Amino acid sequence: MSGAEAKSYVHLLRAQSDAILVGMGTVMADDPELTCRLPGL
């Protein structure tokens, strides 16, 4: 995801989802924040 519109869409999907699946390699390599970062959500 590279553009601002795509990033906003991903955060909207996170807000609407009950779970997010990521692989162990991603967790170990990136330590991702899997939160919705849209104002008001």
PDB file of N, CA and C in Angstrom:
ATOM      1  N   MET A   1       0.846  -1.170   0.000  1.00  0.00           N
ATOM      2  CA  MET A   1       0.000   0.000   0.000  1.00  0.00           C
ATOM      3  C   MET A   1       0.892   1.234   0.000  1.00  0.00           C
ATOM      4  N   SER A   2       0.675   2.089  -0.967  1.00  0.00           N
ATOM      5  CA  SER A   2       1.600   3.208  -1.063  1.00  0.00           C
ATOM      6  C   SER A   2       0.945   4.577  -1.001  1.00  0.00           C
ATOM      7  N   GLY A   3      -0.200   4.758  -1.617  1.00  0.00           N
ATOM      8  CA  GLY A   3      -0.812   6.080  -1.651  1.00  0.00           C
ATOM      9  C   GLY A   3      -1.676   6.353  -0.435  1.00  0.00           C
ATOM     10  N   ALA A   4      -1.978   7.615  -0.218  1.00  0.00           N
ATOM     11  CA  ALA A   4      -2.794   8.020   0.934  1.00  0.00           C
ATOM     12  C   ALA A   4      -4.188   7.404   0.877  1.00  0.00           C
ATOM     13  N   GLU A   5      -4.769   7.348  -0.316  1.00  0.00           N
ATOM     14  CA  GLU A   5      -6.107   6.764  -0.460  1.00  0.00           C
ATOM     15  C   GLU A   5      -6.096   5.274  -0.114  1.00  0.00           C
ATOM     16  N   ALA A   6      -5.082   4.561  -0.562  1.00  0.00           N
ATOM     17  CA  ALA A   6      -4.963   3.132  -0.263  1.00  0.00           C
ATOM     18  C   ALA A   6      -4.767   2.902   1.230  1.00  0.00           C
ATOM     19  N   LYS A   7      -3.944   3.724   1.852  1.00  0.00           N
ATOM     20  CA  LYS A   7      -3.715   3.583   3.292  1.00  0.00           C
ATOM     21  C   LYS A   7      -4.989   3.851   4.078  1.00  0.00           C
ATOM     22  N   SER A   8      -5.755   4.849   3.685  1.00  0.00           N
ATOM     23  CA  SER A   8      -7.028   5.132   4.354  1.00  0.00           C
ATOM     24  C   SER A   8      -7.988   3.962   4.206  1.00  0.00           C
ATOM     25  N   TYR A   9      -8.009   3.359   3.018  1.00  0.00           N
ATOM     26  CA  TYR A   9      -8.888   2.214   2.779  1.00  0.00           C
ATOM     27  C   TYR A   9      -8.501   1.041   3.675  1.00  0.00           C
ATOM     28  N   VAL A  10      -7.210   0.783   3.816  1.00  0.00           N
ATOM     29  CA  VAL A  10      -6.744  -0.303   4.682  1.00  0.00           C
ATOM     30  C   VAL A  10      -7.172  -0.051   6.123  1.00  0.00           C
ATOM     31  N   HIS A  11      -7.064   1.167   6.597  1.00  0.00           N
ATOM     32  CA  HIS A  11      -7.474   1.471   7.964  1.00  0.00           C
ATOM     33  C   HIS A  11      -8.982   1.322   8.132  1.00  0.00           C
ATOM     34  N   LEU A  12      -9.746   1.658   7.111  1.00  0.00           N
ATOM     35  CA  LEU A  12     -11.193   1.451   7.153  1.00  0.00           C
ATOM     36  C   LEU A  12     -11.508  -0.040   7.237  1.00  0.00           C
ATOM     37  N   LEU A  13     -10.820  -0.853   6.455  1.00  0.00           N
ATOM     38  CA  LEU A  13     -11.018  -2.302   6.526  1.00  0.00           C
ATOM     39  C   LEU A  13     -10.686  -2.829   7.917  1.00  0.00           C
ATOM     40  N   ARG A  14      -9.636  -2.319   8.523  1.00  0.00           N
ATOM     41  CA  ARG A  14      -9.277  -2.733   9.882  1.00  0.00           C
ATOM     42  C   ARG A  14     -10.382  -2.387  10.870  1.00  0.00           C
ATOM     43  N   ALA A  15     -10.984  -1.218  10.714  1.00  0.00           N
ATOM     44  CA  ALA A  15     -12.056  -0.798  11.618  1.00  0.00           C
ATOM     45  C   ALA A  15     -13.278  -1.697  11.478  1.00  0.00           C
ATOM     46  N   GLN A  16     -13.506  -2.233  10.289  1.00  0.00           N
ATOM     47  CA  GLN A  16     -14.686  -3.049  10.026  1.00  0.00           C
ATOM     48  C   GLN A  16     -14.468  -4.530  10.310  1.00  0.00           C
ATOM     49  N   SER A  17     -13.240  -4.944  10.554  1.00  0.00           N
ATOM     50  CA  SER A  17     -12.915  -6.363  10.704  1.00  0.00           C
ATOM     51  C   SER A  17     -12.798  -6.764  12.164  1.00  0.00           C
ATOM     52  N   ASP A  18     -13.123  -8.028  12.428  1.00  0.00           N
ATOM     53  CA  ASP A  18     -12.985  -8.567  13.776  1.00  0.00           C
ATOM     54  C   ASP A  18     -11.591  -9.123  14.029  1.00  0.00           C
ATOM     55  N   ALA A  19     -10.857  -9.432  12.974  1.00  0.00           N
ATOM     56  CA  ALA A  19      -9.527 -10.014  13.130  1.00  0.00           C
ATOM     57  C   ALA A  19      -8.666  -9.653  11.922  1.00  0.00           C
ATOM     58  N   ILE A  20      -7.356  -9.661  12.149  1.00  0.00           N
ATOM     59  CA  ILE A  20      -6.384  -9.447  11.080  1.00  0.00           C
ATOM     60  C   ILE A  20      -5.376 -10.584  11.176  1.00  0.00           C
ATOM     61  N   LEU A  21      -5.144 -11.268  10.071  1.00  0.00           N
ATOM     62  CA  LEU A  21      -4.185 -12.365  10.056  1.00  0.00           C
ATOM     63  C   LEU A  21      -2.891 -11.903   9.404  1.00  0.00           C
ATOM     64  N   VAL A  22      -1.789 -12.195  10.066  1.00  0.00           N
ATOM     65  CA  VAL A  22      -0.466 -11.930   9.496  1.00  0.00           C
ATOM     66  C   VAL A  22       0.411 -13.135   9.776  1.00  0.00           C
ATOM     67  N   GLY A  23       1.388 -13.328   8.950  1.00  0.00           N
ATOM     68  CA  GLY A  23       2.313 -14.431   9.146  1.00  0.00           C
ATOM     69  C   GLY A  23       3.348 -14.116  10.215  1.00  0.00           C
ATOM     70  N   MET A  24       3.921 -15.169  10.773  1.00  0.00           N
ATOM     71  CA  MET A  24       4.930 -15.012  11.818  1.00  0.00           C
ATOM     72  C   MET A  24       6.141 -14.229  11.313  1.00  0.00           C
ATOM     73  N   GLY A  25       6.505 -14.450  10.055  1.00  0.00           N
ATOM     74  CA  GLY A  25       7.641 -13.726   9.485  1.00  0.00           C
ATOM     75  C   GLY A  25       7.407 -12.228   9.450  1.00  0.00           C
ATOM     76  N   THR A  26       6.184 -11.818   9.114  1.00  0.00           N
ATOM     77  CA  THR A  26       5.839 -10.394   9.099  1.00  0.00           C
ATOM     78  C   THR A  26       5.906  -9.817  10.501  1.00  0.00           C
ATOM     79  N   VAL A  27       5.378 -10.543  11.465  1.00  0.00           N
ATOM     80  CA  VAL A  27       5.400 -10.077  12.854  1.00  0.00           C
ATOM     81  C   VAL A  27       6.834  -9.921  13.340  1.00  0.00           C
ATOM     82  N   MET A  28       7.668 -10.904  13.060  1.00  0.00           N
ATOM     83  CA  MET A  28       9.056 -10.863  13.532  1.00  0.00           C
ATOM     84  C   MET A  28       9.866  -9.776  12.811  1.00  0.00           C
ATOM     85  N   ALA A  29       9.646  -9.602  11.522  1.00  0.00           N
ATOM     86  CA  ALA A  29      10.446  -8.658  10.741  1.00  0.00           C
ATOM     87  C   ALA A  29       9.976  -7.219  10.888  1.00  0.00           C
ATOM     88  N   ASP A  30       8.663  -7.012  10.950  1.00  0.00           N
ATOM     89  CA  ASP A  30       8.124  -5.655  10.874  1.00  0.00           C
ATOM     90  C   ASP A  30       7.522  -5.132  12.167  1.00  0.00           C
ATOM     91  N   ASP A  31       7.183  -6.013  13.112  1.00  0.00           N
ATOM     92  CA  ASP A  31       6.483  -5.616  14.348  1.00  0.00           C
ATOM     93  C   ASP A  31       5.334  -4.654  14.011  1.00  0.00           C
ATOM     94  N   PRO A  32       4.372  -5.118  13.182  1.00  0.00           N
ATOM     95  CA  PRO A  32       3.333  -4.215  12.682  1.00  0.00           C
ATOM     96  C   PRO A  32       2.345  -3.756  13.749  1.00  0.00           C
ATOM     97  N   GLU A  33       1.901  -2.525  13.632  1.00  0.00           N
ATOM     98  CA  GLU A  33       0.784  -2.020  14.428  1.00  0.00           C
ATOM     99  C   GLU A  33      -0.466  -2.314  13.628  1.00  0.00           C
ATOM    100  N   LEU A  34      -1.288  -3.196  14.120  1.00  0.00           N
ATOM    101  CA  LEU A  34      -2.464  -3.618  13.362  1.00  0.00           C
ATOM    102  C   LEU A  34      -3.703  -2.901  13.871  1.00  0.00           C
ATOM    103  N   THR A  35      -3.590  -1.603  14.016  1.00  0.00           N
ATOM    104  CA  THR A  35      -4.690  -0.802  14.540  1.00  0.00           C
ATOM    105  C   THR A  35      -5.266   0.081  13.443  1.00  0.00           C
ATOM    106  N   CYS A  36      -6.473   0.537  13.668  1.00  0.00           N
ATOM    107  CA  CYS A  36      -7.095   1.511  12.772  1.00  0.00           C
ATOM    108  C   CYS A  36      -6.645   2.898  13.224  1.00  0.00           C
ATOM    109  N   ARG A  37      -6.079   3.655  12.328  1.00  0.00           N
ATOM    110  CA  ARG A  37      -5.595   4.984  12.681  1.00  0.00           C
ATOM    111  C   ARG A  37      -6.340   6.079  11.918  1.00  0.00           C
ATOM    112  N   LEU A  38      -7.654   5.884  11.785  1.00  0.00           N
ATOM    113  CA  LEU A  38      -8.498   6.917  11.194  1.00  0.00           C
ATOM    114  C   LEU A  38      -9.109   7.743  12.317  1.00  0.00           C
ATOM    115  N   PRO A  39      -9.081   9.043  12.216  1.00  0.00           N
ATOM    116  CA  PRO A  39      -9.678   9.887  13.253  1.00  0.00           C
ATOM    117  C   PRO A  39     -11.157   9.546  13.465  1.00  0.00           C
ATOM    118  N   GLY A  40     -11.549   9.415  14.713  1.00  0.00           N
ATOM    119  CA  GLY A  40     -12.940   9.159  15.060  1.00  0.00           C
ATOM    120  C   GLY A  40     -13.346   7.704  15.066  1.00  0.00           C
ATOM    121  N   LEU A  41     -12.458   6.802  14.659  1.00  0.00           N
ATOM    122  CA  LEU A  41     -12.787   5.376  14.662  1.00  0.00           C
ATOM    123  C   LEU A  41     -11.979   4.642  15.692  1.00  0.00           C
TER     124      LEU A  41
END
